[in-house]
């Protein structure tokens, strides 16, 4: 897939900068749903069943795995991976760290946790994330504008 075609497709899918960030957040969730590359565990087993019927619906310590990724989620994951190639190394690391920290959280990325890992203030981390997403958004728009201008 060429860079300009990818830019056109992603801009049609993402109506704004928030949707572009959401594409990476969805990709991080999809990455957790994909099967492991190398898995030696037994593939078939019986699910754990609680003996007490009153304890059967979410009140036990049984761990529930997420379902498999859908085809559209895998497509969006592929787009996010290809868009990563347009970013600088530091921006790519920051965007993917924020996306992975936002999985299973209602409040979005944990800026303070990422800041502790990187060694920066949480507001600085958030500001750099927003700058990286904005620069990617404008990069995609310029790519499409060049294609329409040249023919």
C-alpha atoms as a PDB file:
ATOM      1  CA  UNK A   1       0.000   0.000   0.000  1.00  0.00           C
ATOM      2  CA  UNK A   2       1.497   3.318  -1.007  1.00  0.00           C
ATOM      3  CA  UNK A   3       1.908   6.123   1.501  1.00  0.00           C
ATOM      4  CA  UNK A   4      -0.535   8.478  -0.220  1.00  0.00           C
ATOM      5  CA  UNK A   5      -3.194   5.786  -0.563  1.00  0.00           C
ATOM      6  CA  UNK A   6      -2.782   4.906   3.116  1.00  0.00           C
ATOM      7  CA  UNK A   7      -3.138   8.583   3.998  1.00  0.00           C
ATOM      8  CA  UNK A   8      -6.364   8.869   1.977  1.00  0.00           C
ATOM      9  CA  UNK A   9      -7.875   5.752   3.515  1.00  0.00           C
ATOM     10  CA  UNK A  10      -6.969   6.732   7.075  1.00  0.00           C
ATOM     11  CA  UNK A  11      -8.279  10.276   6.620  1.00  0.00           C
ATOM     12  CA  UNK A  12     -11.580   8.903   5.300  1.00  0.00           C
ATOM     13  CA  UNK A  13     -11.807   6.583   8.302  1.00  0.00           C
ATOM     14  CA  UNK A  14     -10.693   9.161  10.889  1.00  0.00           C
ATOM     15  CA  UNK A  15     -12.814  12.291  10.856  1.00  0.00           C
ATOM     16  CA  UNK A  16     -10.531  14.193  13.216  1.00  0.00           C
ATOM     17  CA  UNK A  17      -7.404  14.102  15.309  1.00  0.00           C
ATOM     18  CA  UNK A  18      -9.245  12.396  18.167  1.00  0.00           C
ATOM     19  CA  UNK A  19     -10.224   9.556  15.848  1.00  0.00           C
ATOM     20  CA  UNK A  20      -6.581   9.186  14.799  1.00  0.00           C
ATOM     21  CA  UNK A  21      -5.558   8.802  18.440  1.00  0.00           C
ATOM     22  CA  UNK A  22      -8.470   6.394  18.878  1.00  0.00           C
ATOM     23  CA  UNK A  23      -7.093   4.330  16.000  1.00  0.00           C
ATOM     24  CA  UNK A  24      -3.907   3.728  17.989  1.00  0.00           C
ATOM     25  CA  UNK A  25      -5.878   3.007  21.180  1.00  0.00           C
ATOM     26  CA  UNK A  26      -7.982   0.452  19.313  1.00  0.00           C
ATOM     27  CA  UNK A  27      -4.822  -1.038  17.798  1.00  0.00           C
ATOM     28  CA  UNK A  28      -3.326  -1.567  21.261  1.00  0.00           C
ATOM     29  CA  UNK A  29      -6.471  -3.402  22.352  1.00  0.00           C
ATOM     30  CA  UNK A  30      -6.383  -5.478  19.159  1.00  0.00           C
ATOM     31  CA  UNK A  31      -2.753  -6.362  19.805  1.00  0.00           C
ATOM     32  CA  UNK A  32      -3.763  -7.864  23.147  1.00  0.00           C
ATOM     33  CA  UNK A  33      -6.495  -9.904  21.458  1.00  0.00           C
ATOM     34  CA  UNK A  34      -4.232 -11.447  18.821  1.00  0.00           C
ATOM     35  CA  UNK A  35      -2.879 -14.936  19.489  1.00  0.00           C
ATOM     36  CA  UNK A  36       0.619 -15.290  20.837  1.00  0.00           C
ATOM     37  CA  UNK A  37       3.365 -15.878  18.313  1.00  0.00           C
ATOM     38  CA  UNK A  38       4.766 -18.878  20.180  1.00  0.00           C
ATOM     39  CA  UNK A  39       2.478 -20.734  22.558  1.00  0.00           C
ATOM     40  CA  UNK A  40       3.319 -24.114  24.085  1.00  0.00           C
ATOM     41  CA  UNK A  41       0.227 -24.349  26.260  1.00  0.00           C
ATOM     42  CA  UNK A  42      -2.457 -26.933  25.729  1.00  0.00           C
ATOM     43  CA  UNK A  43      -4.973 -25.653  23.189  1.00  0.00           C
ATOM     44  CA  UNK A  44      -8.132 -27.371  24.446  1.00  0.00           C
ATOM     45  CA  UNK A  45      -9.473 -27.511  27.982  1.00  0.00           C
ATOM     46  CA  UNK A  46     -12.726 -27.453  29.883  1.00  0.00           C
ATOM     47  CA  UNK A  47     -13.768 -24.087  31.315  1.00  0.00           C
ATOM     48  CA  UNK A  48     -13.726 -23.721  35.059  1.00  0.00           C
ATOM     49  CA  UNK A  49     -17.206 -24.106  36.519  1.00  0.00           C
ATOM     50  CA  UNK A  50     -18.151 -22.894  39.984  1.00  0.00           C
ATOM     51  CA  UNK A  51     -19.748 -25.508  42.224  1.00  0.00           C
ATOM     52  CA  UNK A  52     -22.098 -23.062  43.928  1.00  0.00           C
ATOM     53  CA  UNK A  53     -24.708 -21.653  41.482  1.00  0.00           C
ATOM     54  CA  UNK A  54     -24.848 -18.378  43.433  1.00  0.00           C
ATOM     55  CA  UNK A  55     -21.152 -17.829  42.834  1.00  0.00           C
ATOM     56  CA  UNK A  56     -21.171 -18.653  39.121  1.00  0.00           C
ATOM     57  CA  UNK A  57     -21.698 -15.240  37.538  1.00  0.00           C
ATOM     58  CA  UNK A  58     -18.615 -13.114  37.988  1.00  0.00           C
ATOM     59  CA  UNK A  59     -18.137 -13.671  41.709  1.00  0.00           C
ATOM     60  CA  UNK A  60     -15.302 -16.168  41.425  1.00  0.00           C
ATOM     61  CA  UNK A  61     -11.585 -15.774  40.792  1.00  0.00           C
ATOM     62  CA  UNK A  62     -11.873 -17.257  37.290  1.00  0.00           C
ATOM     63  CA  UNK A  63      -9.983 -15.207  34.716  1.00  0.00           C
ATOM     64  CA  UNK A  64     -11.879 -14.316  31.540  1.00  0.00           C
ATOM     65  CA  UNK A  65      -9.797 -13.765  28.419  1.00  0.00           C
ATOM     66  CA  UNK A  66     -10.894 -11.214  25.819  1.00  0.00           C
ATOM     67  CA  UNK A  67     -12.486 -12.518  22.651  1.00  0.00           C
ATOM     68  CA  UNK A  68     -10.630 -12.703  19.356  1.00  0.00           C
ATOM     69  CA  UNK A  69     -10.063  -9.590  17.273  1.00  0.00           C
ATOM     70  CA  UNK A  70     -12.483  -8.789  14.466  1.00  0.00           C
ATOM     71  CA  UNK A  71     -11.441  -8.342  10.842  1.00  0.00           C
ATOM     72  CA  UNK A  72     -11.981  -4.569  10.931  1.00  0.00           C
ATOM     73  CA  UNK A  73      -9.959  -4.298  14.150  1.00  0.00           C
ATOM     74  CA  UNK A  74      -7.075  -6.179  12.512  1.00  0.00           C
ATOM     75  CA  UNK A  75      -7.326  -3.896   9.455  1.00  0.00           C
ATOM     76  CA  UNK A  76      -7.124  -0.831  11.720  1.00  0.00           C
ATOM     77  CA  UNK A  77      -4.199  -2.421  13.566  1.00  0.00           C
ATOM     78  CA  UNK A  78      -2.398  -2.829  10.248  1.00  0.00           C
ATOM     79  CA  UNK A  79      -3.051   0.823   9.424  1.00  0.00           C
ATOM     80  CA  UNK A  80      -1.675   1.896  12.808  1.00  0.00           C
ATOM     81  CA  UNK A  81       1.477  -0.154  12.248  1.00  0.00           C
ATOM     82  CA  UNK A  82       1.981   1.419   8.837  1.00  0.00           C
ATOM     83  CA  UNK A  83       1.373   4.901  10.243  1.00  0.00           C
ATOM     84  CA  UNK A  84       4.028   4.229  12.871  1.00  0.00           C
ATOM     85  CA  UNK A  85       6.614   4.231  10.088  1.00  0.00           C
ATOM     86  CA  UNK A  86       5.814   7.921   9.444  1.00  0.00           C
ATOM     87  CA  UNK A  87       6.681   8.875  13.033  1.00  0.00           C
ATOM     88  CA  UNK A  88      10.010   9.547  14.661  1.00  0.00           C
ATOM     89  CA  UNK A  89      11.243   6.850  17.018  1.00  0.00           C
ATOM     90  CA  UNK A  90      10.499   8.883  20.149  1.00  0.00           C
ATOM     91  CA  UNK A  91       7.009   9.827  18.951  1.00  0.00           C
ATOM     92  CA  UNK A  92       6.221   6.226  18.022  1.00  0.00           C
ATOM     93  CA  UNK A  93       7.321   4.958  21.434  1.00  0.00           C
ATOM     94  CA  UNK A  94       5.257   7.617  23.179  1.00  0.00           C
ATOM     95  CA  UNK A  95       2.105   6.993  21.126  1.00  0.00           C
ATOM     96  CA  UNK A  96       2.252   3.228  21.600  1.00  0.00           C
ATOM     97  CA  UNK A  97       3.013   3.580  25.332  1.00  0.00           C
ATOM     98  CA  UNK A  98      -0.022   5.831  25.726  1.00  0.00           C
ATOM     99  CA  UNK A  99      -2.172   3.469  23.670  1.00  0.00           C
ATOM    100  CA  UNK A 100      -1.176   0.431  25.717  1.00  0.00           C
ATOM    101  CA  UNK A 101      -1.703   2.247  29.006  1.00  0.00           C
ATOM    102  CA  UNK A 102      -5.213   3.281  27.881  1.00  0.00           C
ATOM    103  CA  UNK A 103      -6.394  -0.292  27.289  1.00  0.00           C
ATOM    104  CA  UNK A 104      -9.056  -1.297  29.832  1.00  0.00           C
ATOM    105  CA  UNK A 105      -9.106   2.191  31.380  1.00  0.00           C
ATOM    106  CA  UNK A 106     -12.106   4.496  31.307  1.00  0.00           C
ATOM    107  CA  UNK A 107     -10.013   7.630  31.874  1.00  0.00           C
ATOM    108  CA  UNK A 108      -7.578   7.107  29.004  1.00  0.00           C
ATOM    109  CA  UNK A 109      -3.800   6.861  29.217  1.00  0.00           C
ATOM    110  CA  UNK A 110      -2.031   6.975  32.559  1.00  0.00           C
ATOM    111  CA  UNK A 111       0.140  10.018  31.931  1.00  0.00           C
ATOM    112  CA  UNK A 112       1.763   9.865  35.366  1.00  0.00           C
ATOM    113  CA  UNK A 113       2.809   6.243  34.878  1.00  0.00           C
ATOM    114  CA  UNK A 114       4.283   6.948  31.440  1.00  0.00           C
ATOM    115  CA  UNK A 115       5.987  10.039  32.872  1.00  0.00           C
ATOM    116  CA  UNK A 116       7.643   7.981  35.606  1.00  0.00           C
ATOM    117  CA  UNK A 117       8.952   5.509  33.025  1.00  0.00           C
ATOM    118  CA  UNK A 118      10.250   8.223  30.681  1.00  0.00           C
ATOM    119  CA  UNK A 119      11.379  10.556  33.440  1.00  0.00           C
ATOM    120  CA  UNK A 120       9.141  13.503  32.537  1.00  0.00           C
ATOM    121  CA  UNK A 121       6.257  15.373  34.138  1.00  0.00           C
ATOM    122  CA  UNK A 122       2.823  13.938  33.204  1.00  0.00           C
ATOM    123  CA  UNK A 123       1.696  17.189  31.567  1.00  0.00           C
ATOM    124  CA  UNK A 124       4.833  17.198  29.424  1.00  0.00           C
ATOM    125  CA  UNK A 125       4.148  13.623  28.346  1.00  0.00           C
ATOM    126  CA  UNK A 126       0.559  14.483  27.441  1.00  0.00           C
ATOM    127  CA  UNK A 127       1.649  17.591  25.524  1.00  0.00           C
ATOM    128  CA  UNK A 128       4.261  15.603  23.562  1.00  0.00           C
ATOM    129  CA  UNK A 129       1.659  12.923  22.777  1.00  0.00           C
ATOM    130  CA  UNK A 130      -0.746  15.559  21.467  1.00  0.00           C
ATOM    131  CA  UNK A 131       2.040  17.111  19.406  1.00  0.00           C
ATOM    132  CA  UNK A 132       2.977  13.742  17.905  1.00  0.00           C
ATOM    133  CA  UNK A 133      -0.630  12.968  16.940  1.00  0.00           C
ATOM    134  CA  UNK A 134      -1.087  16.458  15.473  1.00  0.00           C
ATOM    135  CA  UNK A 135       2.107  16.220  13.439  1.00  0.00           C
ATOM    136  CA  UNK A 136       0.998  12.831  12.091  1.00  0.00           C
ATOM    137  CA  UNK A 137      -2.422  14.267  11.222  1.00  0.00           C
ATOM    138  CA  UNK A 138      -0.892  17.163   9.294  1.00  0.00           C
ATOM    139  CA  UNK A 139       1.595  14.812   7.646  1.00  0.00           C
ATOM    140  CA  UNK A 140      -1.321  12.727   6.343  1.00  0.00           C
ATOM    141  CA  UNK A 141      -3.199  15.803   5.140  1.00  0.00           C
ATOM    142  CA  UNK A 142      -0.122  17.162   3.337  1.00  0.00           C
ATOM    143  CA  UNK A 143       0.437  13.801   1.675  1.00  0.00           C
ATOM    144  CA  UNK A 144      -3.120  13.793   0.307  1.00  0.00           C
ATOM    145  CA  UNK A 145      -2.865  17.449  -0.732  1.00  0.00           C
ATOM    146  CA  UNK A 146       0.329  16.750  -2.701  1.00  0.00           C
ATOM    147  CA  UNK A 147      -1.332  13.852  -4.520  1.00  0.00           C
ATOM    148  CA  UNK A 148      -4.376  15.908  -5.519  1.00  0.00           C
ATOM    149  CA  UNK A 149      -2.171  18.836  -6.533  1.00  0.00           C
ATOM    150  CA  UNK A 150       0.125  16.757  -8.758  1.00  0.00           C
ATOM    151  CA  UNK A 151      -2.661  14.901 -10.391  1.00  0.00           C
END
